[in-house]
């Protein structure tokens, strides 16, 4: 039977809480800390792990995540403070800044490769229905824009 982890992330000012579930807590926290976790944690910079539970059975972990997501914010804070009264980042020493930066760069490189694949697919679709010279100009513009980003 697989283990699951339910976890709670927050930002530095402790103004938001994010409840998540994963089967690999270290990998998931690395994703959040490097800006490629969830849209919510990226938007609100929720990169600090305040709480996690290891649960035998991934289905039970999902059930626990749903339960915690339905809790009032105050209940979540009380749960966190039972194990972490000082509200310290429990994963503060899991990764170095260099590891997180390398992980982020690897992600960006794979994301750019995916974008290039999407552009190629669009070109293939467009070639069948449009003027090839116009398409080549658009591809040039798209590739230039991706390189700048």
C-alpha atoms as a PDB file:
ATOM      1  CA  UNK A   1       0.000   0.000   0.000  1.00  0.00           C
ATOM      2  CA  UNK A   2       1.301   3.448  -0.947  1.00  0.00           C
ATOM      3  CA  UNK A   3       1.759   6.337   1.432  1.00  0.00           C
ATOM      4  CA  UNK A   4       0.292   9.742   0.796  1.00  0.00           C
ATOM      5  CA  UNK A   5       1.123  13.085   2.323  1.00  0.00           C
ATOM      6  CA  UNK A   6      -1.297  15.868   3.139  1.00  0.00           C
ATOM      7  CA  UNK A   7       0.471  19.176   3.589  1.00  0.00           C
ATOM      8  CA  UNK A   8      -0.169  22.847   4.260  1.00  0.00           C
ATOM      9  CA  UNK A   9       1.888  25.622   2.662  1.00  0.00           C
ATOM     10  CA  UNK A  10       1.856  29.336   3.458  1.00  0.00           C
ATOM     11  CA  UNK A  11       3.579  32.547   2.424  1.00  0.00           C
ATOM     12  CA  UNK A  12       6.125  34.461   4.509  1.00  0.00           C
ATOM     13  CA  UNK A  13       3.479  36.785   5.972  1.00  0.00           C
ATOM     14  CA  UNK A  14       1.226  33.832   6.888  1.00  0.00           C
ATOM     15  CA  UNK A  15      -1.775  35.407   5.147  1.00  0.00           C
ATOM     16  CA  UNK A  16      -2.719  32.406   2.990  1.00  0.00           C
ATOM     17  CA  UNK A  17      -2.907  28.650   3.454  1.00  0.00           C
ATOM     18  CA  UNK A  18      -2.745  26.015   0.738  1.00  0.00           C
ATOM     19  CA  UNK A  19      -3.742  22.403   1.445  1.00  0.00           C
ATOM     20  CA  UNK A  20      -2.405  19.749  -0.911  1.00  0.00           C
ATOM     21  CA  UNK A  21      -1.849  16.004  -1.279  1.00  0.00           C
ATOM     22  CA  UNK A  22       1.051  14.113  -2.853  1.00  0.00           C
ATOM     23  CA  UNK A  23       2.797  10.766  -2.840  1.00  0.00           C
ATOM     24  CA  UNK A  24       6.254  12.434  -2.744  1.00  0.00           C
ATOM     25  CA  UNK A  25       6.435  15.282  -0.235  1.00  0.00           C
ATOM     26  CA  UNK A  26      10.019  16.320  -1.019  1.00  0.00           C
ATOM     27  CA  UNK A  27       9.418  16.546  -4.769  1.00  0.00           C
ATOM     28  CA  UNK A  28       6.139  18.426  -4.324  1.00  0.00           C
ATOM     29  CA  UNK A  29       7.637  20.948  -1.893  1.00  0.00           C
ATOM     30  CA  UNK A  30      10.549  21.479  -4.294  1.00  0.00           C
ATOM     31  CA  UNK A  31       8.006  22.236  -7.020  1.00  0.00           C
ATOM     32  CA  UNK A  32       6.243  24.793  -4.826  1.00  0.00           C
ATOM     33  CA  UNK A  33       9.498  26.412  -3.678  1.00  0.00           C
ATOM     34  CA  UNK A  34      10.760  26.734  -7.251  1.00  0.00           C
ATOM     35  CA  UNK A  35       7.543  28.330  -8.519  1.00  0.00           C
ATOM     36  CA  UNK A  36       6.166  25.379 -10.425  1.00  0.00           C
ATOM     37  CA  UNK A  37       3.793  23.888  -7.869  1.00  0.00           C
ATOM     38  CA  UNK A  38       0.192  24.965  -8.192  1.00  0.00           C
ATOM     39  CA  UNK A  39      -1.129  28.162  -9.734  1.00  0.00           C
ATOM     40  CA  UNK A  40      -2.358  29.235  -6.287  1.00  0.00           C
ATOM     41  CA  UNK A  41       0.988  28.770  -4.519  1.00  0.00           C
ATOM     42  CA  UNK A  42       2.789  30.566  -7.334  1.00  0.00           C
ATOM     43  CA  UNK A  43       0.323  33.467  -7.329  1.00  0.00           C
ATOM     44  CA  UNK A  44       0.444  33.944  -3.543  1.00  0.00           C
ATOM     45  CA  UNK A  45       4.084  32.876  -3.073  1.00  0.00           C
ATOM     46  CA  UNK A  46       3.061  30.088  -0.668  1.00  0.00           C
ATOM     47  CA  UNK A  47       6.454  28.391  -0.545  1.00  0.00           C
ATOM     48  CA  UNK A  48       6.808  27.487   3.122  1.00  0.00           C
ATOM     49  CA  UNK A  49       5.766  24.077   4.418  1.00  0.00           C
ATOM     50  CA  UNK A  50       4.090  24.535   7.775  1.00  0.00           C
ATOM     51  CA  UNK A  51       2.516  21.122   8.281  1.00  0.00           C
ATOM     52  CA  UNK A  52       2.340  17.637   6.798  1.00  0.00           C
ATOM     53  CA  UNK A  53       0.944  14.221   7.659  1.00  0.00           C
ATOM     54  CA  UNK A  54       2.113  10.863   6.302  1.00  0.00           C
ATOM     55  CA  UNK A  55      -0.899   8.627   5.693  1.00  0.00           C
ATOM     56  CA  UNK A  56      -0.930   4.926   4.793  1.00  0.00           C
ATOM     57  CA  UNK A  57      -3.086   4.651   1.688  1.00  0.00           C
ATOM     58  CA  UNK A  58      -3.214   7.349  -0.957  1.00  0.00           C
ATOM     59  CA  UNK A  59      -7.023   7.240  -1.091  1.00  0.00           C
ATOM     60  CA  UNK A  60      -7.110   8.021   2.639  1.00  0.00           C
ATOM     61  CA  UNK A  61      -4.696  10.897   2.073  1.00  0.00           C
ATOM     62  CA  UNK A  62      -7.033  12.329  -0.571  1.00  0.00           C
ATOM     63  CA  UNK A  63      -9.948  12.001   1.865  1.00  0.00           C
ATOM     64  CA  UNK A  64      -7.925  13.832   4.528  1.00  0.00           C
ATOM     65  CA  UNK A  65      -7.016  16.596   2.068  1.00  0.00           C
ATOM     66  CA  UNK A  66     -10.697  17.098   1.241  1.00  0.00           C
ATOM     67  CA  UNK A  67     -11.514  17.187   4.944  1.00  0.00           C
ATOM     68  CA  UNK A  68      -8.872  19.840   5.664  1.00  0.00           C
ATOM     69  CA  UNK A  69      -9.908  21.929   2.666  1.00  0.00           C
ATOM     70  CA  UNK A  70     -13.395  22.098   4.172  1.00  0.00           C
ATOM     71  CA  UNK A  71     -12.132  23.253   7.552  1.00  0.00           C
ATOM     72  CA  UNK A  72     -12.334  26.860   8.686  1.00  0.00           C
ATOM     73  CA  UNK A  73      -9.046  28.724   8.457  1.00  0.00           C
ATOM     74  CA  UNK A  74      -8.845  28.974  12.263  1.00  0.00           C
ATOM     75  CA  UNK A  75      -9.084  25.172  12.587  1.00  0.00           C
ATOM     76  CA  UNK A  76      -6.232  24.766  10.115  1.00  0.00           C
ATOM     77  CA  UNK A  77      -4.084  27.226  12.082  1.00  0.00           C
ATOM     78  CA  UNK A  78      -4.825  25.335  15.300  1.00  0.00           C
ATOM     79  CA  UNK A  79      -3.800  22.058  13.636  1.00  0.00           C
ATOM     80  CA  UNK A  80      -0.560  23.583  12.360  1.00  0.00           C
ATOM     81  CA  UNK A  81       0.272  25.062  15.760  1.00  0.00           C
ATOM     82  CA  UNK A  82      -0.101  21.684  17.524  1.00  0.00           C
ATOM     83  CA  UNK A  83       3.040  20.443  15.728  1.00  0.00           C
ATOM     84  CA  UNK A  84       4.649  23.739  14.724  1.00  0.00           C
ATOM     85  CA  UNK A  85       3.833  26.458  17.276  1.00  0.00           C
ATOM     86  CA  UNK A  86       6.502  28.814  15.919  1.00  0.00           C
ATOM     87  CA  UNK A  87       5.140  28.448  12.363  1.00  0.00           C
ATOM     88  CA  UNK A  88       8.582  27.669  10.955  1.00  0.00           C
ATOM     89  CA  UNK A  89       9.110  26.367   7.437  1.00  0.00           C
ATOM     90  CA  UNK A  90       9.443  22.619   8.008  1.00  0.00           C
ATOM     91  CA  UNK A  91      11.347  22.236   4.732  1.00  0.00           C
ATOM     92  CA  UNK A  92      13.691  25.194   5.200  1.00  0.00           C
ATOM     93  CA  UNK A  93      16.775  22.956   5.093  1.00  0.00           C
ATOM     94  CA  UNK A  94      15.586  20.395   2.549  1.00  0.00           C
ATOM     95  CA  UNK A  95      17.076  22.174  -0.490  1.00  0.00           C
ATOM     96  CA  UNK A  96      19.788  24.715  -1.159  1.00  0.00           C
ATOM     97  CA  UNK A  97      19.070  27.841  -3.193  1.00  0.00           C
ATOM     98  CA  UNK A  98      21.325  26.427  -5.920  1.00  0.00           C
ATOM     99  CA  UNK A  99      19.249  23.220  -6.077  1.00  0.00           C
ATOM    100  CA  UNK A 100      16.016  25.181  -6.369  1.00  0.00           C
ATOM    101  CA  UNK A 101      17.486  27.448  -9.050  1.00  0.00           C
ATOM    102  CA  UNK A 102      18.722  24.456 -11.073  1.00  0.00           C
ATOM    103  CA  UNK A 103      15.336  22.790 -10.706  1.00  0.00           C
ATOM    104  CA  UNK A 104      13.593  25.968 -11.903  1.00  0.00           C
ATOM    105  CA  UNK A 105      15.916  26.289 -14.916  1.00  0.00           C
ATOM    106  CA  UNK A 106      15.289  22.644 -15.826  1.00  0.00           C
ATOM    107  CA  UNK A 107      11.556  23.304 -15.665  1.00  0.00           C
ATOM    108  CA  UNK A 108      11.834  26.437 -17.827  1.00  0.00           C
ATOM    109  CA  UNK A 109      13.858  24.537 -20.432  1.00  0.00           C
ATOM    110  CA  UNK A 110      11.264  21.745 -20.616  1.00  0.00           C
ATOM    111  CA  UNK A 111       8.472  24.337 -20.730  1.00  0.00           C
ATOM    112  CA  UNK A 112      10.138  26.095 -23.683  1.00  0.00           C
ATOM    113  CA  UNK A 113      10.519  22.745 -25.458  1.00  0.00           C
ATOM    114  CA  UNK A 114       6.801  22.106 -24.931  1.00  0.00           C
ATOM    115  CA  UNK A 115       5.991  25.588 -26.264  1.00  0.00           C
ATOM    116  CA  UNK A 116       8.131  24.917 -29.343  1.00  0.00           C
ATOM    117  CA  UNK A 117       6.235  21.663 -29.891  1.00  0.00           C
ATOM    118  CA  UNK A 118       2.941  23.495 -29.629  1.00  0.00           C
ATOM    119  CA  UNK A 119       4.131  26.090 -32.146  1.00  0.00           C
ATOM    120  CA  UNK A 120       5.203  23.341 -34.561  1.00  0.00           C
ATOM    121  CA  UNK A 121       1.812  21.633 -34.253  1.00  0.00           C
ATOM    122  CA  UNK A 122       0.061  24.944 -34.933  1.00  0.00           C
ATOM    123  CA  UNK A 123       2.269  25.511 -37.985  1.00  0.00           C
ATOM    124  CA  UNK A 124       1.464  22.046 -39.322  1.00  0.00           C
ATOM    125  CA  UNK A 125      -2.247  22.730 -38.881  1.00  0.00           C
ATOM    126  CA  UNK A 126      -1.973  26.181 -40.443  1.00  0.00           C
ATOM    127  CA  UNK A 127       0.065  25.034 -43.471  1.00  0.00           C
ATOM    128  CA  UNK A 128      -2.848  22.918 -44.602  1.00  0.00           C
ATOM    129  CA  UNK A 129      -5.182  25.929 -44.671  1.00  0.00           C
ATOM    130  CA  UNK A 130      -3.141  29.132 -45.121  1.00  0.00           C
ATOM    131  CA  UNK A 131      -0.393  30.901 -47.049  1.00  0.00           C
ATOM    132  CA  UNK A 132       2.994  29.284 -46.127  1.00  0.00           C
ATOM    133  CA  UNK A 133       4.924  32.601 -46.336  1.00  0.00           C
ATOM    134  CA  UNK A 134       2.554  34.231 -43.863  1.00  0.00           C
ATOM    135  CA  UNK A 135       2.939  31.218 -41.577  1.00  0.00           C
ATOM    136  CA  UNK A 136       6.754  31.330 -41.690  1.00  0.00           C
ATOM    137  CA  UNK A 137       6.672  34.995 -40.658  1.00  0.00           C
ATOM    138  CA  UNK A 138       4.386  34.124 -37.717  1.00  0.00           C
ATOM    139  CA  UNK A 139       6.676  31.238 -36.669  1.00  0.00           C
ATOM    140  CA  UNK A 140       9.673  33.571 -36.776  1.00  0.00           C
ATOM    141  CA  UNK A 141       7.830  36.052 -34.553  1.00  0.00           C
ATOM    142  CA  UNK A 142       6.702  33.304 -32.126  1.00  0.00           C
ATOM    143  CA  UNK A 143      10.189  31.814 -31.809  1.00  0.00           C
ATOM    144  CA  UNK A 144      11.707  35.255 -31.266  1.00  0.00           C
ATOM    145  CA  UNK A 145       9.141  35.986 -28.557  1.00  0.00           C
ATOM    146  CA  UNK A 146       9.839  32.631 -26.813  1.00  0.00           C
ATOM    147  CA  UNK A 147      13.586  33.287 -26.852  1.00  0.00           C
ATOM    148  CA  UNK A 148      13.056  36.711 -25.247  1.00  0.00           C
ATOM    149  CA  UNK A 149      10.973  35.153 -22.477  1.00  0.00           C
END
